[in-house]
Amino acid sequence: MRRSGPPAARGHGGEPEPQDDDTRRLSELAEGAARCMPDCCGAVATAYDGEGARPSAATHPDLAALASVQRCSGEGPIPTAEEDGRTVDAADLLRDRRWPRYRALALDSGVRSSVTMPFRSAGLTVTLSLYSFRAGTLHDAPRGPVRALGDLAAACLARDRSYRAALTELDQLGAALRTRPVVDQACGIVMHVLGCDAEQAFTVLRRVSQTTNRKLADVAAAVVERRGHGLEREFTALTRQA
């Protein structure tokens, strides 16, 4: 393995994937950390929030494969650091036999030692793994600029995710406000047809939405368009179920 060029973002199978915001942050972390350590031949940065995708970035395809084998097997410095929240130092992989699949692939790639550091922020765990062709050369990595880079990256990733979540919630609220008048109008029609109260009318609309796999707003618009005509029997059946 040789160090080369900019970091390569990798998916679960080691293939290149689009550079989203998380992956760009991780790429910057991996490349910046690798430059901080003279004996480092490359780096991998990953992010995990306990569910969903696990974005990652590596400075070399061989290192992306090392991250992938750990995800697939659930064993290695990255899963261990994520679970324990502590730095995992593999100072000499010729003698370290904790993770056979990781160890075999690392040695086959020319990697002799690695150190993996976890950084946690707002429910998000970022790991930074540094690699070396020589044994025992990365013991100073958890101190100094590399740790500062990791802390900053974790905080920025958590902030970015919170911002995106807030934007999504804002969009949902906006959509709810735009559709509320139609839903209210449809509830009024159902109340008139069935002689029920507002809560029962809304329950009927929601049941129609669920049973037909349509959005509530679409159901409400259809009711308003038809003014409830021809729906009396269906509404009555749903009211009894409720």
Protein backbone atom coordinates (compact mmCIF):
# COMPACT_ATOMS: atom_id res chain seq x y z
CA MET A 1 0.00 0.00 0.00
CA ARG A 2 1.19 3.49 -0.83
CA ARG A 3 -0.12 6.80 0.39
CA SER A 4 -1.66 8.70 -2.46
CA GLY A 5 -3.85 11.65 -3.37
CA PRO A 6 -7.00 12.84 -1.68
CA PRO A 7 -9.07 10.61 0.60
CA ALA A 8 -11.37 8.14 -1.10
CA ALA A 9 -14.89 7.83 0.29
CA ARG A 10 -16.08 4.23 0.35
CA GLY A 11 -19.38 2.43 0.77
CA HIS A 12 -19.93 -0.92 2.47
CA GLY A 13 -18.47 -2.82 -0.47
CA GLY A 14 -15.43 -0.59 -0.87
CA GLU A 15 -16.88 1.15 -3.93
CA PRO A 16 -16.81 4.95 -4.25
CA GLU A 17 -19.97 6.67 -3.06
CA PRO A 18 -21.26 10.26 -3.39
CA GLN A 19 -19.57 12.85 -1.21
CA ASP A 20 -22.37 13.96 1.11
CA ASP A 21 -21.83 16.40 3.97
CA ASP A 22 -20.88 13.70 6.48
CA THR A 23 -18.42 12.06 4.09
CA ARG A 24 -16.75 15.37 3.30
CA ARG A 25 -16.24 16.06 6.99
CA LEU A 26 -14.79 12.58 7.49
CA SER A 27 -12.52 12.97 4.46
CA GLU A 28 -11.13 16.21 5.84
CA LEU A 29 -10.55 14.55 9.22
CA ALA A 30 -8.77 11.51 7.76
CA GLU A 31 -6.50 13.54 5.48
CA GLY A 32 -5.71 16.15 8.12
CA ALA A 33 -4.90 13.55 10.77
CA ALA A 34 -2.65 11.59 8.40
CA ARG A 35 -0.63 14.74 7.73
CA CYS A 36 -0.15 15.34 11.46
CA MET A 37 1.74 12.07 12.05
CA PRO A 38 5.06 11.62 10.20
CA ASP A 39 4.97 7.82 10.56
CA CYS A 40 1.34 7.50 9.47
CA CYS A 41 0.76 5.87 6.08
CA GLY A 42 -2.96 6.68 5.98
CA ALA A 43 -6.16 7.08 7.94
CA VAL A 44 -9.84 6.11 8.08
CA ALA A 45 -12.63 8.12 9.67
CA THR A 46 -16.11 6.75 10.36
CA ALA A 47 -19.33 7.99 11.95
CA TYR A 48 -22.11 6.03 13.67
CA ASP A 49 -25.21 7.15 15.55
CA GLY A 50 -26.50 3.73 16.58
CA GLU A 51 -28.75 3.32 13.55
CA GLY A 52 -28.84 3.95 9.83
CA ALA A 53 -25.86 4.32 7.52
CA ARG A 54 -22.23 4.35 8.61
CA PRO A 55 -20.45 6.92 6.44
CA SER A 56 -16.69 6.59 6.21
CA ALA A 57 -13.71 8.02 4.39
CA ALA A 58 -10.24 6.59 3.79
CA THR A 59 -7.04 8.03 2.39
CA HIS A 60 -6.36 4.81 0.44
CA PRO A 61 -8.56 2.03 -1.02
CA ASP A 62 -6.71 -0.66 0.97
CA LEU A 63 -7.64 1.17 4.18
CA ALA A 64 -11.25 1.43 3.04
CA ALA A 65 -11.21 -2.37 2.74
CA LEU A 66 -9.91 -2.60 6.32
CA ALA A 67 -12.87 -0.53 7.52
CA SER A 68 -15.27 -2.66 5.46
CA VAL A 69 -14.06 -5.99 6.89
CA GLN A 70 -14.59 -4.64 10.39
CA ARG A 71 -18.15 -3.55 9.59
CA CYS A 72 -18.94 -6.94 8.07
CA SER A 73 -17.41 -9.04 10.86
CA GLY A 74 -18.27 -6.74 13.76
CA GLU A 75 -14.71 -7.26 15.03
CA GLY A 76 -11.69 -4.98 14.98
CA PRO A 77 -10.40 -1.73 16.44
CA ILE A 78 -13.28 0.36 15.04
CA PRO A 79 -16.18 -1.69 16.53
CA THR A 80 -14.22 -2.03 19.79
CA ALA A 81 -13.60 1.71 20.03
CA GLU A 82 -17.28 2.46 19.21
CA GLU A 83 -18.47 0.09 21.93
CA ASP A 84 -15.96 0.88 24.67
CA GLY A 85 -15.42 4.57 23.99
CA ARG A 86 -11.67 4.16 24.48
CA THR A 87 -8.62 4.35 22.24
CA VAL A 88 -7.66 0.97 20.75
CA ASP A 89 -3.94 0.58 20.12
CA ALA A 90 -2.66 -2.28 17.97
CA ALA A 91 1.04 -1.51 18.32
CA ASP A 92 2.28 -4.60 16.45
CA LEU A 93 -0.12 -6.67 14.38
CA LEU A 94 2.44 -9.43 13.97
CA ARG A 95 1.93 -10.18 17.67
CA ASP A 96 -1.62 -8.88 18.20
CA ARG A 97 -4.10 -11.69 17.49
CA ARG A 98 -7.34 -10.13 18.78
CA TRP A 99 -9.08 -9.77 15.40
CA PRO A 100 -7.94 -12.48 12.94
CA ARG A 101 -9.71 -11.19 9.81
CA TYR A 102 -8.67 -7.58 10.39
CA ARG A 103 -5.12 -8.61 11.26
CA ALA A 104 -4.72 -10.79 8.16
CA LEU A 105 -5.97 -8.11 5.78
CA ALA A 106 -3.92 -5.39 7.48
CA LEU A 107 -0.68 -7.36 7.26
CA ASP A 108 -1.44 -8.30 3.66
CA SER A 109 -1.76 -4.57 2.91
CA GLY A 110 1.58 -3.84 4.57
CA VAL A 111 0.05 -2.30 7.70
CA ARG A 112 2.04 -3.22 10.82
CA SER A 113 0.31 -1.10 13.45
CA SER A 114 -2.81 0.99 13.98
CA VAL A 115 -4.50 3.16 16.55
CA THR A 116 -8.22 3.94 16.63
CA MET A 117 -9.66 6.84 18.64
CA PRO A 118 -13.37 7.42 19.34
CA PHE A 119 -14.91 10.88 19.65
CA ARG A 120 -18.47 11.24 20.91
CA SER A 121 -20.82 14.18 20.55
CA ALA A 122 -24.62 14.36 20.93
CA GLY A 123 -25.20 10.64 20.40
CA LEU A 124 -22.78 10.42 17.47
CA THR A 125 -19.55 8.40 17.61
CA VAL A 126 -16.75 9.33 15.22
CA THR A 127 -13.74 7.03 14.99
CA LEU A 128 -10.36 7.98 13.59
CA SER A 129 -7.95 5.18 12.71
CA LEU A 130 -4.32 5.85 11.86
CA TYR A 131 -2.07 3.24 10.23
CA SER A 132 1.67 2.70 9.95
CA PHE A 133 4.02 0.39 8.07
CA ARG A 134 6.11 0.08 11.24
CA ALA A 135 5.34 -1.25 14.72
CA GLY A 136 5.00 1.02 17.74
CA THR A 137 5.13 4.34 15.88
CA LEU A 138 1.65 5.69 16.66
CA HIS A 139 1.62 5.75 20.47
CA ASP A 140 1.63 9.58 20.53
CA ALA A 141 -1.35 9.88 18.16
CA PRO A 142 -4.06 10.18 20.88
CA ARG A 143 -2.42 13.36 22.10
CA GLY A 144 -1.93 16.74 20.49
CA PRO A 145 -3.35 17.93 17.17
CA VAL A 146 -4.91 14.62 16.10
CA ARG A 147 -7.21 14.54 19.13
CA ALA A 148 -8.12 18.19 18.60
CA LEU A 149 -9.05 17.41 14.98
CA GLY A 150 -11.20 14.47 16.09
CA ASP A 151 -13.03 16.46 18.75
CA LEU A 152 -13.72 19.26 16.26
CA ALA A 153 -14.92 16.88 13.55
CA ALA A 154 -17.31 15.07 15.92
CA ALA A 155 -18.77 18.37 17.14
CA CYS A 156 -19.19 19.65 13.56
CA LEU A 157 -20.81 16.43 12.37
CA ALA A 158 -23.25 16.45 15.30
CA ARG A 159 -24.06 20.11 14.64
CA ASP A 160 -24.59 19.47 10.92
CA ARG A 161 -26.95 16.58 11.64
CA SER A 162 -28.93 18.63 14.13
CA TYR A 163 -29.23 21.42 11.58
CA ARG A 164 -30.46 19.03 8.88
CA ALA A 165 -32.96 17.49 11.30
CA ALA A 166 -34.25 20.97 12.18
CA LEU A 167 -34.69 21.81 8.49
CA THR A 168 -36.59 18.55 7.92
CA GLU A 169 -38.86 19.26 10.88
CA LEU A 170 -39.45 22.79 9.59
CA ASP A 171 -40.43 21.43 6.17
CA GLN A 172 -42.83 18.98 7.79
CA LEU A 173 -44.41 21.70 9.88
CA GLY A 174 -44.77 23.88 6.80
CA ALA A 175 -46.44 21.05 4.91
CA ALA A 176 -48.77 20.43 7.86
CA LEU A 177 -49.75 24.09 7.97
CA ARG A 178 -50.43 24.15 4.23
CA THR A 179 -52.67 21.06 4.39
CA ARG A 180 -54.45 21.90 7.67
CA PRO A 181 -57.29 23.94 6.06
CA VAL A 182 -58.15 21.07 3.69
CA VAL A 183 -58.10 18.52 6.52
CA ASP A 184 -60.30 20.75 8.67
CA GLN A 185 -62.75 21.15 5.81
CA ALA A 186 -62.84 17.40 5.23
CA CYS A 187 -63.43 16.81 8.94
CA GLY A 188 -66.38 19.20 8.77
CA ILE A 189 -67.88 17.23 5.88
CA VAL A 190 -67.43 13.91 7.70
CA MET A 191 -69.03 15.40 10.83
CA HIS A 192 -72.01 16.54 8.77
CA VAL A 193 -72.41 13.20 6.97
CA LEU A 194 -72.07 11.03 10.09
CA GLY A 195 -73.31 13.39 12.78
CA CYS A 196 -70.12 12.75 14.78
CA ASP A 197 -67.70 15.01 16.61
CA ALA A 198 -64.40 16.41 15.31
CA GLU A 199 -62.25 13.76 16.96
CA GLN A 200 -64.25 10.92 15.41
CA ALA A 201 -64.19 12.62 12.02
CA PHE A 202 -60.41 12.94 12.11
CA THR A 203 -60.11 9.29 13.17
CA VAL A 204 -62.19 8.28 10.14
CA LEU A 205 -59.94 10.27 7.79
CA ARG A 206 -56.86 8.75 9.34
CA ARG A 207 -58.30 5.23 8.97
CA VAL A 208 -59.00 5.87 5.29
CA SER A 209 -55.42 7.12 4.90
CA GLN A 210 -54.00 4.00 6.56
CA THR A 211 -56.17 1.44 4.80
CA THR A 212 -55.64 2.96 1.34
CA ASN A 213 -51.95 3.78 1.92
CA ARG A 214 -52.54 7.40 0.90
CA LYS A 215 -51.44 10.60 2.53
CA LEU A 216 -53.94 12.17 4.91
CA ALA A 217 -53.87 15.40 2.90
CA ASP A 218 -54.75 13.50 -0.31
CA VAL A 219 -57.64 11.73 1.42
CA ALA A 220 -58.92 15.03 2.78
CA ALA A 221 -58.71 16.66 -0.65
CA ALA A 222 -60.71 13.80 -2.19
CA VAL A 223 -63.41 14.11 0.48
CA VAL A 224 -63.65 17.85 -0.08
CA GLU A 225 -63.84 17.38 -3.85
CA ARG A 226 -66.70 14.87 -3.53
CA ARG A 227 -68.33 16.71 -0.65
CA GLY A 228 -68.72 13.36 1.06
CA HIS A 229 -71.12 12.03 -1.58
CA GLY A 230 -71.09 8.24 -1.95
CA LEU A 231 -68.89 7.78 1.13
CA GLU A 232 -71.57 7.46 3.82
CA ARG A 233 -71.41 3.66 4.11
CA GLU A 234 -67.60 3.58 4.25
CA PHE A 235 -67.51 6.39 6.81
CA THR A 236 -70.08 4.63 8.97
CA ALA A 237 -68.14 1.35 8.94
CA LEU A 238 -64.92 3.10 9.90
CA THR A 239 -66.70 4.96 12.72
CA ARG A 240 -67.89 1.65 14.17
CA GLN A 241 -64.34 0.27 14.00
CA ALA A 242 -63.03 3.34 15.81
